[in-house]
Amino acid sequence: MSRYVHFASRLTGWNAIKSRAAQLNIEMTDAEYKVCTAKIKALADIRPIAVDDADSIISTFHRSIKLGKELDLLPNMTEEEKALFAKKEQEIASMPEKKALDVEASTPEAAA
């Protein structure tokens, strides 16, 4: 029996993105997977994302890390979608409880 994890939605988790990236032979740090996941979630709030779109976002995000500059995650986004995406990213970045959980999970004391 095989299991399919849907990773192109607002409900996706960073481990699903990590798994899909591994299938695409893309390696990043856990922190980078979490940022990529947040971007996919923000885009999924704006419009439906197909599997090909999610793959493109993961690949482009990885490429932007390697190049050291921000790239458009989806080249066919309208100006309105870009504005909504920027707003969603700000909303996600301003969630203090999310940041606190990520910091807590990365500390050695949390593993004890």
PDB file of N, CA and C in Angstrom:
ATOM      1  N   MET A   1       0.835  -1.157   0.000  1.00  0.00           N
ATOM      2  CA  MET A   1       0.000   0.000   0.000  1.00  0.00           C
ATOM      3  C   MET A   1       0.895   1.241   0.000  1.00  0.00           C
ATOM      4  N   SER A   2       0.567   2.227  -0.830  1.00  0.00           N
ATOM      5  CA  SER A   2       1.327   3.468  -0.833  1.00  0.00           C
ATOM      6  C   SER A   2       0.453   4.597  -0.300  1.00  0.00           C
ATOM      7  N   ARG A   3       1.106   5.605   0.191  1.00  0.00           N
ATOM      8  CA  ARG A   3       0.395   6.724   0.797  1.00  0.00           C
ATOM      9  C   ARG A   3       0.717   7.979   0.029  1.00  0.00           C
ATOM     10  N   TYR A   4      -0.300   8.777  -0.258  1.00  0.00           N
ATOM     11  CA  TYR A   4      -0.106  10.030  -0.966  1.00  0.00           C
ATOM     12  C   TYR A   4      -0.397  11.179  -0.016  1.00  0.00           C
ATOM     13  N   VAL A   5       0.533  12.107   0.098  1.00  0.00           N
ATOM     14  CA  VAL A   5       0.345  13.281   0.942  1.00  0.00           C
ATOM     15  C   VAL A   5       0.125  14.465   0.030  1.00  0.00           C
ATOM     16  N   HIS A   6      -1.047  15.087   0.143  1.00  0.00           N
ATOM     17  CA  HIS A   6      -1.345  16.257  -0.675  1.00  0.00           C
ATOM     18  C   HIS A   6      -0.582  17.445  -0.117  1.00  0.00           C
ATOM     19  N   PHE A   7       0.246  18.058  -0.945  1.00  0.00           N
ATOM     20  CA  PHE A   7       1.106  19.129  -0.463  1.00  0.00           C
ATOM     21  C   PHE A   7       0.826  20.456  -1.134  1.00  0.00           C
ATOM     22  N   ALA A   8      -0.164  20.530  -1.996  1.00  0.00           N
ATOM     23  CA  ALA A   8      -0.450  21.763  -2.727  1.00  0.00           C
ATOM     24  C   ALA A   8      -1.711  22.436  -2.188  1.00  0.00           C
ATOM     25  N   SER A   9      -1.729  22.656  -0.890  1.00  0.00           N
ATOM     26  CA  SER A   9      -2.906  23.296  -0.303  1.00  0.00           C
ATOM     27  C   SER A   9      -2.528  24.119   0.912  1.00  0.00           C
ATOM     28  N   ARG A  10      -3.495  24.839   1.421  1.00  0.00           N
ATOM     29  CA  ARG A  10      -3.332  25.664   2.607  1.00  0.00           C
ATOM     30  C   ARG A  10      -3.072  24.805   3.846  1.00  0.00           C
ATOM     31  N   LEU A  11      -3.484  23.569   3.807  1.00  0.00           N
ATOM     32  CA  LEU A  11      -3.382  22.686   4.968  1.00  0.00           C
ATOM     33  C   LEU A  11      -2.081  21.888   5.012  1.00  0.00           C
ATOM     34  N   THR A  12      -1.216  22.088   4.044  1.00  0.00           N
ATOM     35  CA  THR A  12       0.013  21.313   3.979  1.00  0.00           C
ATOM     36  C   THR A  12       0.940  21.636   5.156  1.00  0.00           C
ATOM     37  N   GLY A  13       1.749  20.668   5.517  1.00  0.00           N
ATOM     38  CA  GLY A  13       2.744  20.862   6.562  1.00  0.00           C
ATOM     39  C   GLY A  13       4.134  20.849   5.958  1.00  0.00           C
ATOM     40  N   TRP A  14       5.092  21.334   6.726  1.00  0.00           N
ATOM     41  CA  TRP A  14       6.438  21.436   6.169  1.00  0.00           C
ATOM     42  C   TRP A  14       7.066  20.073   5.913  1.00  0.00           C
ATOM     43  N   ASN A  15       6.662  19.053   6.620  1.00  0.00           N
ATOM     44  CA  ASN A  15       7.205  17.722   6.341  1.00  0.00           C
ATOM     45  C   ASN A  15       6.722  17.191   4.998  1.00  0.00           C
ATOM     46  N   ALA A  16       5.507  17.562   4.602  1.00  0.00           N
ATOM     47  CA  ALA A  16       5.011  17.171   3.278  1.00  0.00           C
ATOM     48  C   ALA A  16       5.824  17.866   2.187  1.00  0.00           C
ATOM     49  N   ILE A  17       6.157  19.128   2.420  1.00  0.00           N
ATOM     50  CA  ILE A  17       6.977  19.866   1.455  1.00  0.00           C
ATOM     51  C   ILE A  17       8.388  19.275   1.412  1.00  0.00           C
ATOM     52  N   LYS A  18       8.902  18.906   2.562  1.00  0.00           N
ATOM     53  CA  LYS A  18      10.226  18.287   2.631  1.00  0.00           C
ATOM     54  C   LYS A  18      10.235  16.967   1.858  1.00  0.00           C
ATOM     55  N   SER A  19       9.189  16.186   2.017  1.00  0.00           N
ATOM     56  CA  SER A  19       9.072  14.915   1.315  1.00  0.00           C
ATOM     57  C   SER A  19       9.007  15.129  -0.199  1.00  0.00           C
ATOM     58  N   ARG A  20       8.202  16.107  -0.613  1.00  0.00           N
ATOM     59  CA  ARG A  20       8.080  16.381  -2.057  1.00  0.00           C
ATOM     60  C   ARG A  20       9.400  16.901  -2.609  1.00  0.00           C
ATOM     61  N   ALA A  21      10.084  17.753  -1.855  1.00  0.00           N
ATOM     62  CA  ALA A  21      11.376  18.267  -2.307  1.00  0.00           C
ATOM     63  C   ALA A  21      12.373  17.120  -2.483  1.00  0.00           C
ATOM     64  N   ALA A  22      12.348  16.164  -1.572  1.00  0.00           N
ATOM     65  CA  ALA A  22      13.230  15.001  -1.694  1.00  0.00           C
ATOM     66  C   ALA A  22      12.930  14.232  -2.973  1.00  0.00           C
ATOM     67  N   GLN A  23      11.656  14.120  -3.332  1.00  0.00           N
ATOM     68  CA  GLN A  23      11.279  13.454  -4.581  1.00  0.00           C
ATOM     69  C   GLN A  23      11.813  14.215  -5.790  1.00  0.00           C
ATOM     70  N   LEU A  24      11.957  15.543  -5.632  1.00  0.00           N
ATOM     71  CA  LEU A  24      12.478  16.389  -6.717  1.00  0.00           C
ATOM     72  C   LEU A  24      13.998  16.543  -6.632  1.00  0.00           C
ATOM     73  N   ASN A  25      14.635  15.805  -5.719  1.00  0.00           N
ATOM     74  CA  ASN A  25      16.084  15.877  -5.486  1.00  0.00           C
ATOM     75  C   ASN A  25      16.539  17.270  -5.069  1.00  0.00           C
ATOM     76  N   ILE A  26      15.751  17.905  -4.212  1.00  0.00           N
ATOM     77  CA  ILE A  26      16.068  19.227  -3.680  1.00  0.00           C
ATOM     78  C   ILE A  26      16.272  19.089  -2.186  1.00  0.00           C
ATOM     79  N   GLU A  27      17.392  19.606  -1.704  1.00  0.00           N
ATOM     80  CA  GLU A  27      17.681  19.555  -0.273  1.00  0.00           C
ATOM     81  C   GLU A  27      17.807  20.969   0.274  1.00  0.00           C
ATOM     82  N   MET A  28      17.148  21.191   1.413  1.00  0.00           N
ATOM     83  CA  MET A  28      17.238  22.466   2.117  1.00  0.00           C
ATOM     84  C   MET A  28      17.277  22.172   3.610  1.00  0.00           C
ATOM     85  N   THR A  29      17.464  23.203   4.393  1.00  0.00           N
ATOM     86  CA  THR A  29      17.411  23.037   5.847  1.00  0.00           C
ATOM     87  C   THR A  29      15.945  22.996   6.278  1.00  0.00           C
ATOM     88  N   ASP A  30      15.704  22.526   7.488  1.00  0.00           N
ATOM     89  CA  ASP A  30      14.333  22.510   8.003  1.00  0.00           C
ATOM     90  C   ASP A  30      13.742  23.916   8.039  1.00  0.00           C
ATOM     91  N   ALA A  31      14.547  24.899   8.411  1.00  0.00           N
ATOM     92  CA  ALA A  31      14.068  26.286   8.442  1.00  0.00           C
ATOM     93  C   ALA A  31      13.661  26.747   7.042  1.00  0.00           C
ATOM     94  N   GLU A  32      14.424  26.368   6.025  1.00  0.00           N
ATOM     95  CA  GLU A  32      14.095  26.748   4.647  1.00  0.00           C
ATOM     96  C   GLU A  32      12.817  26.041   4.187  1.00  0.00           C
ATOM     97  N   TYR A  33      12.645  24.774   4.578  1.00  0.00           N
ATOM     98  CA  TYR A  33      11.396  24.078   4.237  1.00  0.00           C
ATOM     99  C   TYR A  33      10.204  24.787   4.867  1.00  0.00           C
ATOM    100  N   LYS A  34      10.373  25.260   6.100  1.00  0.00           N
ATOM    101  CA  LYS A  34       9.279  25.952   6.785  1.00  0.00           C
ATOM    102  C   LYS A  34       8.930  27.260   6.096  1.00  0.00           C
ATOM    103  N   VAL A  35       9.938  27.993   5.635  1.00  0.00           N
ATOM    104  CA  VAL A  35       9.678  29.245   4.913  1.00  0.00           C
ATOM    105  C   VAL A  35       8.989  28.940   3.582  1.00  0.00           C
ATOM    106  N   CYS A  36       9.473  27.932   2.892  1.00  0.00           N
ATOM    107  CA  CYS A  36       8.856  27.535   1.612  1.00  0.00           C
ATOM    108  C   CYS A  36       7.406  27.119   1.823  1.00  0.00           C
ATOM    109  N   THR A  37       7.152  26.371   2.887  1.00  0.00           N
ATOM    110  CA  THR A  37       5.788  25.944   3.207  1.00  0.00           C
ATOM    111  C   THR A  37       4.898  27.148   3.476  1.00  0.00           C
ATOM    112  N   ALA A  38       5.402  28.128   4.197  1.00  0.00           N
ATOM    113  CA  ALA A  38       4.628  29.342   4.477  1.00  0.00           C
ATOM    114  C   ALA A  38       4.274  30.070   3.174  1.00  0.00           C
ATOM    115  N   LYS A  39       5.195  30.076   2.227  1.00  0.00           N
ATOM    116  CA  LYS A  39       4.934  30.724   0.935  1.00  0.00           C
ATOM    117  C   LYS A  39       3.864  29.951   0.151  1.00  0.00           C
ATOM    118  N   ILE A  40       3.943  28.633   0.175  1.00  0.00           N
ATOM    119  CA  ILE A  40       2.932  27.825  -0.513  1.00  0.00           C
ATOM    120  C   ILE A  40       1.559  28.054   0.121  1.00  0.00           C
ATOM    121  N   LYS A  41       1.510  28.109   1.447  1.00  0.00           N
ATOM    122  CA  LYS A  41       0.241  28.346   2.138  1.00  0.00           C
ATOM    123  C   LYS A  41      -0.319  29.720   1.790  1.00  0.00           C
ATOM    124  N   ALA A  42       0.556  30.713   1.738  1.00  0.00           N
ATOM    125  CA  ALA A  42       0.110  32.068   1.390  1.00  0.00           C
ATOM    126  C   ALA A  42      -0.454  32.104  -0.028  1.00  0.00           C
ATOM    127  N   LEU A  43       0.211  31.441  -0.955  1.00  0.00           N
ATOM    128  CA  LEU A  43      -0.287  31.403  -2.333  1.00  0.00           C
ATOM    129  C   LEU A  43      -1.582  30.601  -2.440  1.00  0.00           C
ATOM    130  N   ALA A  44      -1.692  29.537  -1.659  1.00  0.00           N
ATOM    131  CA  ALA A  44      -2.907  28.717  -1.688  1.00  0.00           C
ATOM    132  C   ALA A  44      -4.110  29.487  -1.143  1.00  0.00           C
ATOM    133  N   ASP A  45      -3.861  30.492  -0.301  1.00  0.00           N
ATOM    134  CA  ASP A  45      -4.943  31.346   0.180  1.00  0.00           C
ATOM    135  C   ASP A  45      -5.438  32.290  -0.918  1.00  0.00           C
ATOM    136  N   ILE A  46      -4.598  32.549  -1.892  1.00  0.00           N
ATOM    137  CA  ILE A  46      -4.918  33.508  -2.949  1.00  0.00           C
ATOM    138  C   ILE A  46      -5.605  32.842  -4.138  1.00  0.00           C
ATOM    139  N   ARG A  47      -5.109  31.660  -4.497  1.00  0.00           N
ATOM    140  CA  ARG A  47      -5.676  30.937  -5.646  1.00  0.00           C
ATOM    141  C   ARG A  47      -5.375  29.451  -5.508  1.00  0.00           C
ATOM    142  N   PRO A  48      -6.121  28.615  -6.215  1.00  0.00           N
ATOM    143  CA  PRO A  48      -5.839  27.172  -6.161  1.00  0.00           C
ATOM    144  C   PRO A  48      -4.442  26.883  -6.720  1.00  0.00           C
ATOM    145  N   ILE A  49      -3.760  25.968  -6.072  1.00  0.00           N
ATOM    146  CA  ILE A  49      -2.414  25.598  -6.501  1.00  0.00           C
ATOM    147  C   ILE A  49      -2.433  24.140  -6.945  1.00  0.00           C
ATOM    148  N   ALA A  50      -1.983  23.909  -8.155  1.00  0.00           N
ATOM    149  CA  ALA A  50      -1.873  22.554  -8.685  1.00  0.00           C
ATOM    150  C   ALA A  50      -0.538  21.955  -8.233  1.00  0.00           C
ATOM    151  N   VAL A  51      -0.395  20.662  -8.396  1.00  0.00           N
ATOM    152  CA  VAL A  51       0.841  19.979  -8.025  1.00  0.00           C
ATOM    153  C   VAL A  51       2.020  20.580  -8.794  1.00  0.00           C
ATOM    154  N   ASP A  52       1.827  20.859 -10.079  1.00  0.00           N
ATOM    155  CA  ASP A  52       2.896  21.468 -10.877  1.00  0.00           C
ATOM    156  C   ASP A  52       3.292  22.832 -10.325  1.00  0.00           C
ATOM    157  N   ASP A  53       2.302  23.600  -9.852  1.00  0.00           N
ATOM    158  CA  ASP A  53       2.586  24.903  -9.246  1.00  0.00           C
ATOM    159  C   ASP A  53       3.423  24.731  -7.987  1.00  0.00           C
ATOM    160  N   ALA A  54       3.046  23.795  -7.136  1.00  0.00           N
ATOM    161  CA  ALA A  54       3.791  23.553  -5.895  1.00  0.00           C
ATOM    162  C   ALA A  54       5.223  23.123  -6.210  1.00  0.00           C
ATOM    163  N   ASP A  55       5.385  22.250  -7.196  1.00  0.00           N
ATOM    164  CA  ASP A  55       6.731  21.831  -7.606  1.00  0.00           C
ATOM    165  C   ASP A  55       7.545  23.031  -8.088  1.00  0.00           C
ATOM    166  N   SER A  56       6.910  23.898  -8.864  1.00  0.00           N
ATOM    167  CA  SER A  56       7.573  25.091  -9.373  1.00  0.00           C
ATOM    168  C   SER A  56       7.971  26.024  -8.237  1.00  0.00           C
ATOM    169  N   ILE A  57       7.087  26.187  -7.253  1.00  0.00           N
ATOM    170  CA  ILE A  57       7.388  27.042  -6.101  1.00  0.00           C
ATOM    171  C   ILE A  57       8.580  26.490  -5.324  1.00  0.00           C
ATOM    172  N   ILE A  58       8.571  25.194  -5.070  1.00  0.00           N
ATOM    173  CA  ILE A  58       9.678  24.564  -4.340  1.00  0.00           C
ATOM    174  C   ILE A  58      10.990  24.751  -5.103  1.00  0.00           C
ATOM    175  N   SER A  59      10.970  24.482  -6.394  1.00  0.00           N
ATOM    176  CA  SER A  59      12.181  24.607  -7.216  1.00  0.00           C
ATOM    177  C   SER A  59      12.670  26.048  -7.282  1.00  0.00           C
ATOM    178  N   THR A  60      11.756  26.973  -7.488  1.00  0.00           N
ATOM    179  CA  THR A  60      12.131  28.382  -7.587  1.00  0.00           C
ATOM    180  C   THR A  60      12.633  28.912  -6.253  1.00  0.00           C
ATOM    181  N   PHE A  61      11.976  28.503  -5.157  1.00  0.00           N
ATOM    182  CA  PHE A  61      12.428  28.918  -3.831  1.00  0.00           C
ATOM    183  C   PHE A  61      13.856  28.419  -3.589  1.00  0.00           C
ATOM    184  N   HIS A  62      14.109  27.169  -3.921  1.00  0.00           N
ATOM    185  CA  HIS A  62      15.450  26.601  -3.754  1.00  0.00           C
ATOM    186  C   HIS A  62      16.464  27.349  -4.620  1.00  0.00           C
ATOM    187  N   ARG A  63      16.093  27.620  -5.854  1.00  0.00           N
ATOM    188  CA  ARG A  63      16.986  28.344  -6.768  1.00  0.00           C
ATOM    189  C   ARG A  63      17.281  29.749  -6.230  1.00  0.00           C
ATOM    190  N   SER A  64      16.270  30.403  -5.639  1.00  0.00           N
ATOM    191  CA  SER A  64      16.488  31.747  -5.097  1.00  0.00           C
ATOM    192  C   SER A  64      17.464  31.720  -3.925  1.00  0.00           C
ATOM    193  N   ILE A  65      17.425  30.654  -3.127  1.00  0.00           N
ATOM    194  CA  ILE A  65      18.385  30.503  -2.034  1.00  0.00           C
ATOM    195  C   ILE A  65      19.799  30.364  -2.600  1.00  0.00           C
ATOM    196  N   LYS A  66      19.940  29.515  -3.602  1.00  0.00           N
ATOM    197  CA  LYS A  66      21.253  29.274  -4.194  1.00  0.00           C
ATOM    198  C   LYS A  66      21.812  30.519  -4.877  1.00  0.00           C
ATOM    199  N   LEU A  67      20.947  31.319  -5.517  1.00  0.00           N
ATOM    200  CA  LEU A  67      21.385  32.532  -6.205  1.00  0.00           C
ATOM    201  C   LEU A  67      21.554  33.710  -5.252  1.00  0.00           C
ATOM    202  N   GLY A  68      20.925  33.627  -4.087  1.00  0.00           N
ATOM    203  CA  GLY A  68      21.008  34.709  -3.119  1.00  0.00           C
ATOM    204  C   GLY A  68      20.151  35.907  -3.462  1.00  0.00           C
ATOM    205  N   LYS A  69      19.120  35.689  -4.268  1.00  0.00           N
ATOM    206  CA  LYS A  69      18.202  36.782  -4.589  1.00  0.00           C
ATOM    207  C   LYS A  69      16.788  36.241  -4.734  1.00  0.00           C
ATOM    208  N   GLU A  70      15.825  37.097  -4.439  1.00  0.00           N
ATOM    209  CA  GLU A  70      14.415  36.698  -4.485  1.00  0.00           C
ATOM    210  C   GLU A  70      13.950  36.571  -5.936  1.00  0.00           C
ATOM    211  N   LEU A  71      13.305  35.464  -6.248  1.00  0.00           N
ATOM    212  CA  LEU A  71      12.744  35.226  -7.577  1.00  0.00           C
ATOM    213  C   LEU A  71      11.226  35.134  -7.466  1.00  0.00           C
ATOM    214  N   ASP A  72      10.524  35.448  -8.558  1.00  0.00           N
ATOM    215  CA  ASP A  72       9.070  35.255  -8.581  1.00  0.00           C
ATOM    216  C   ASP A  72       8.779  33.767  -8.482  1.00  0.00           C
ATOM    217  N   LEU A  73       7.992  33.387  -7.479  1.00  0.00           N
ATOM    218  CA  LEU A  73       7.706  31.969  -7.267  1.00  0.00           C
ATOM    219  C   LEU A  73       6.831  31.388  -8.362  1.00  0.00           C
ATOM    220  N   LEU A  74       5.873  32.165  -8.811  1.00  0.00           N
ATOM    221  CA  LEU A  74       5.033  31.759  -9.937  1.00  0.00           C
ATOM    222  C   LEU A  74       5.057  32.900 -10.953  1.00  0.00           C
ATOM    223  N   PRO A  75       5.635  32.678 -12.115  1.00  0.00           N
ATOM    224  CA  PRO A  75       5.806  33.771 -13.084  1.00  0.00           C
ATOM    225  C   PRO A  75       4.502  34.313 -13.671  1.00  0.00           C
ATOM    226  N   ASN A  76       3.424  33.568 -13.577  1.00  0.00           N
ATOM    227  CA  ASN A  76       2.165  33.995 -14.191  1.00  0.00           C
ATOM    228  C   ASN A  76       1.212  34.665 -13.205  1.00  0.00           C
ATOM    229  N   MET A  77       1.725  35.169 -12.093  1.00  0.00           N
ATOM    230  CA  MET A  77       0.871  35.841 -11.114  1.00  0.00           C
ATOM    231  C   MET A  77       0.506  37.235 -11.616  1.00  0.00           C
ATOM    232  N   THR A  78      -0.740  37.612 -11.394  1.00  0.00           N
ATOM    233  CA  THR A  78      -1.181  38.959 -11.751  1.00  0.00           C
ATOM    234  C   THR A  78      -0.665  39.941 -10.701  1.00  0.00           C
ATOM    235  N   GLU A  79      -0.754  41.216 -10.999  1.00  0.00           N
ATOM    236  CA  GLU A  79      -0.332  42.242 -10.034  1.00  0.00           C
ATOM    237  C   GLU A  79      -1.191  42.165  -8.765  1.00  0.00           C
ATOM    238  N   GLU A  80      -2.471  41.888  -8.944  1.00  0.00           N
ATOM    239  CA  GLU A  80      -3.369  41.757  -7.790  1.00  0.00           C
ATOM    240  C   GLU A  80      -2.949  40.570  -6.918  1.00  0.00           C
ATOM    241  N   GLU A  81      -2.615  39.441  -7.553  1.00  0.00           N
ATOM    242  CA  GLU A  81      -2.168  38.264  -6.803  1.00  0.00           C
ATOM    243  C   GLU A  81      -0.848  38.541  -6.083  1.00  0.00           C
ATOM    244  N   LYS A  82       0.053  39.277  -6.726  1.00  0.00           N
ATOM    245  CA  LYS A  82       1.322  39.627  -6.093  1.00  0.00           C
ATOM    246  C   LYS A  82       1.091  40.481  -4.851  1.00  0.00           C
ATOM    247  N   ALA A  83       0.169  41.422  -4.950  1.00  0.00           N
ATOM    248  CA  ALA A  83      -0.139  42.289  -3.806  1.00  0.00           C
ATOM    249  C   ALA A  83      -0.760  41.481  -2.673  1.00  0.00           C
ATOM    250  N   LEU A  84      -1.695  40.583  -3.012  1.00  0.00           N
ATOM    251  CA  LEU A  84      -2.313  39.732  -1.996  1.00  0.00           C
ATOM    252  C   LEU A  84      -1.283  38.794  -1.358  1.00  0.00           C
ATOM    253  N   PHE A  85      -0.372  38.286  -2.167  1.00  0.00           N
ATOM    254  CA  PHE A  85       0.677  37.402  -1.665  1.00  0.00           C
ATOM    255  C   PHE A  85       1.568  38.140  -0.670  1.00  0.00           C
ATOM    256  N   ALA A  86       1.959  39.354  -1.003  1.00  0.00           N
ATOM    257  CA  ALA A  86       2.796  40.149  -0.094  1.00  0.00           C
ATOM    258  C   ALA A  86       2.067  40.392   1.227  1.00  0.00           C
ATOM    259  N   LYS A  87       0.769  40.669   1.148  1.00  0.00           N
ATOM    260  CA  LYS A  87      -0.021  40.891   2.362  1.00  0.00           C
ATOM    261  C   LYS A  87      -0.093  39.611   3.201  1.00  0.00           C
ATOM    262  N   LYS A  88      -0.327  38.468   2.552  1.00  0.00           N
ATOM    263  CA  LYS A  88      -0.396  37.182   3.265  1.00  0.00           C
ATOM    264  C   LYS A  88       0.934  36.847   3.934  1.00  0.00           C
ATOM    265  N   GLU A  89       2.035  37.120   3.244  1.00  0.00           N
ATOM    266  CA  GLU A  89       3.346  36.858   3.827  1.00  0.00           C
ATOM    267  C   GLU A  89       3.562  37.698   5.084  1.00  0.00           C
ATOM    268  N   GLN A  90       3.113  38.945   5.060  1.00  0.00           N
ATOM    269  CA  GLN A  90       3.229  39.812   6.234  1.00  0.00           C
ATOM    270  C   GLN A  90       2.390  39.273   7.385  1.00  0.00           C
ATOM    271  N   GLU A  91       1.182  38.799   7.072  1.00  0.00           N
ATOM    272  CA  GLU A  91       0.315  38.227   8.109  1.00  0.00           C
ATOM    273  C   GLU A  91       0.970  37.020   8.767  1.00  0.00           C
ATOM    274  N   ILE A  92       1.539  36.136   7.954  1.00  0.00           N
ATOM    275  CA  ILE A  92       2.172  34.929   8.475  1.00  0.00           C
ATOM    276  C   ILE A  92       3.398  35.299   9.320  1.00  0.00           C
ATOM    277  N   ALA A  93       4.185  36.253   8.846  1.00  0.00           N
ATOM    278  CA  ALA A  93       5.390  36.659   9.565  1.00  0.00           C
ATOM    279  C   ALA A  93       5.072  37.327  10.899  1.00  0.00           C
ATOM    280  N   SER A  94       3.873  37.877  11.017  1.00  0.00           N
ATOM    281  CA  SER A  94       3.529  38.597  12.253  1.00  0.00           C
ATOM    282  C   SER A  94       2.865  37.712  13.302  1.00  0.00           C
ATOM    283  N   MET A  95       2.770  36.417  13.068  1.00  0.00           N
ATOM    284  CA  MET A  95       2.157  35.505  14.035  1.00  0.00           C
ATOM    285  C   MET A  95       3.164  35.146  15.111  1.00  0.00           C
ATOM    286  N   PRO A  96       3.120  35.813  16.272  1.00  0.00           N
ATOM    287  CA  PRO A  96       4.124  35.551  17.309  1.00  0.00           C
ATOM    288  C   PRO A  96       4.076  34.131  17.859  1.00  0.00           C
ATOM    289  N   GLU A  97       2.883  33.534  17.939  1.00  0.00           N
ATOM    290  CA  GLU A  97       2.799  32.176  18.474  1.00  0.00           C
ATOM    291  C   GLU A  97       3.479  31.178  17.556  1.00  0.00           C
ATOM    292  N   LYS A  98       3.446  31.399  16.255  1.00  0.00           N
ATOM    293  CA  LYS A  98       4.108  30.510  15.300  1.00  0.00           C
ATOM    294  C   LYS A  98       5.616  30.630  15.443  1.00  0.00           C
ATOM    295  N   LYS A  99       6.109  31.868  15.559  1.00  0.00           N
ATOM    296  CA  LYS A  99       7.540  32.067  15.726  1.00  0.00           C
ATOM    297  C   LYS A  99       8.029  31.427  17.021  1.00  0.00           C
ATOM    298  N   ALA A 100       7.255  31.566  18.082  1.00  0.00           N
ATOM    299  CA  ALA A 100       7.641  31.006  19.374  1.00  0.00           C
ATOM    300  C   ALA A 100       7.739  29.485  19.302  1.00  0.00           C
ATOM    301  N   LEU A 101       6.801  28.849  18.609  1.00  0.00           N
ATOM    302  CA  LEU A 101       6.840  27.392  18.472  1.00  0.00           C
ATOM    303  C   LEU A 101       8.070  26.949  17.680  1.00  0.00           C
ATOM    304  N   ASP A 102       8.409  27.683  16.617  1.00  0.00           N
ATOM    305  CA  ASP A 102       9.571  27.330  15.813  1.00  0.00           C
ATOM    306  C   ASP A 102      10.861  27.486  16.613  1.00  0.00           C
ATOM    307  N   VAL A 103      10.970  28.554  17.396  1.00  0.00           N
ATOM    308  CA  VAL A 103      12.153  28.771  18.209  1.00  0.00           C
ATOM    309  C   VAL A 103      12.253  27.696  19.271  1.00  0.00           C
ATOM    310  N   GLU A 104      11.134  27.392  19.908  1.00  0.00           N
ATOM    311  CA  GLU A 104      11.115  26.351  20.949  1.00  0.00           C
ATOM    312  C   GLU A 104      11.540  25.000  20.383  1.00  0.00           C
ATOM    313  N   ALA A 105      11.062  24.669  19.205  1.00  0.00           N
ATOM    314  CA  ALA A 105      11.379  23.375  18.601  1.00  0.00           C
ATOM    315  C   ALA A 105      12.844  23.288  18.212  1.00  0.00           C
ATOM    316  N   SER A 106      13.504  24.422  17.996  1.00  0.00           N
ATOM    317  CA  SER A 106      14.898  24.379  17.566  1.00  0.00           C
ATOM    318  C   SER A 106      15.887  24.418  18.726  1.00  0.00           C
ATOM    319  N   THR A 107      15.400  24.577  19.957  1.00  0.00           N
ATOM    320  CA  THR A 107      16.303  24.626  21.106  1.00  0.00           C
ATOM    321  C   THR A 107      16.591  23.231  21.623  1.00  0.00           C
ATOM    322  N   PRO A 108      17.803  23.007  22.122  1.00  0.00           N
ATOM    323  CA  PRO A 108      18.157  21.668  22.651  1.00  0.00           C
ATOM    324  C   PRO A 108      17.288  21.256  23.838  1.00  0.00           C
ATOM    325  N   GLU A 109      16.827  22.230  24.645  1.00  0.00           N
ATOM    326  CA  GLU A 109      16.011  21.896  25.808  1.00  0.00           C
ATOM    327  C   GLU A 109      14.683  21.247  25.402  1.00  0.00           C
ATOM    328  N   ALA A 110      14.184  21.614  24.213  1.00  0.00           N
ATOM    329  CA  ALA A 110      12.895  21.066  23.759  1.00  0.00           C
ATOM    330  C   ALA A 110      12.997  19.569  23.503  1.00  0.00           C
ATOM    331  N   ALA A 111      14.179  19.110  23.153  1.00  0.00           N
ATOM    332  CA  ALA A 111      14.359  17.678  22.852  1.00  0.00           C
ATOM    333  C   ALA A 111      14.460  16.847  24.130  1.00  0.00           C
ATOM    334  N   ALA A 112      14.772  17.505  25.235  1.00  0.00           N
ATOM    335  CA  ALA A 112      14.961  16.767  26.491  1.00  0.00           C
ATOM    336  C   ALA A 112      13.676  16.309  27.104  1.00  0.00           C
TER     337      ALA A 112
END
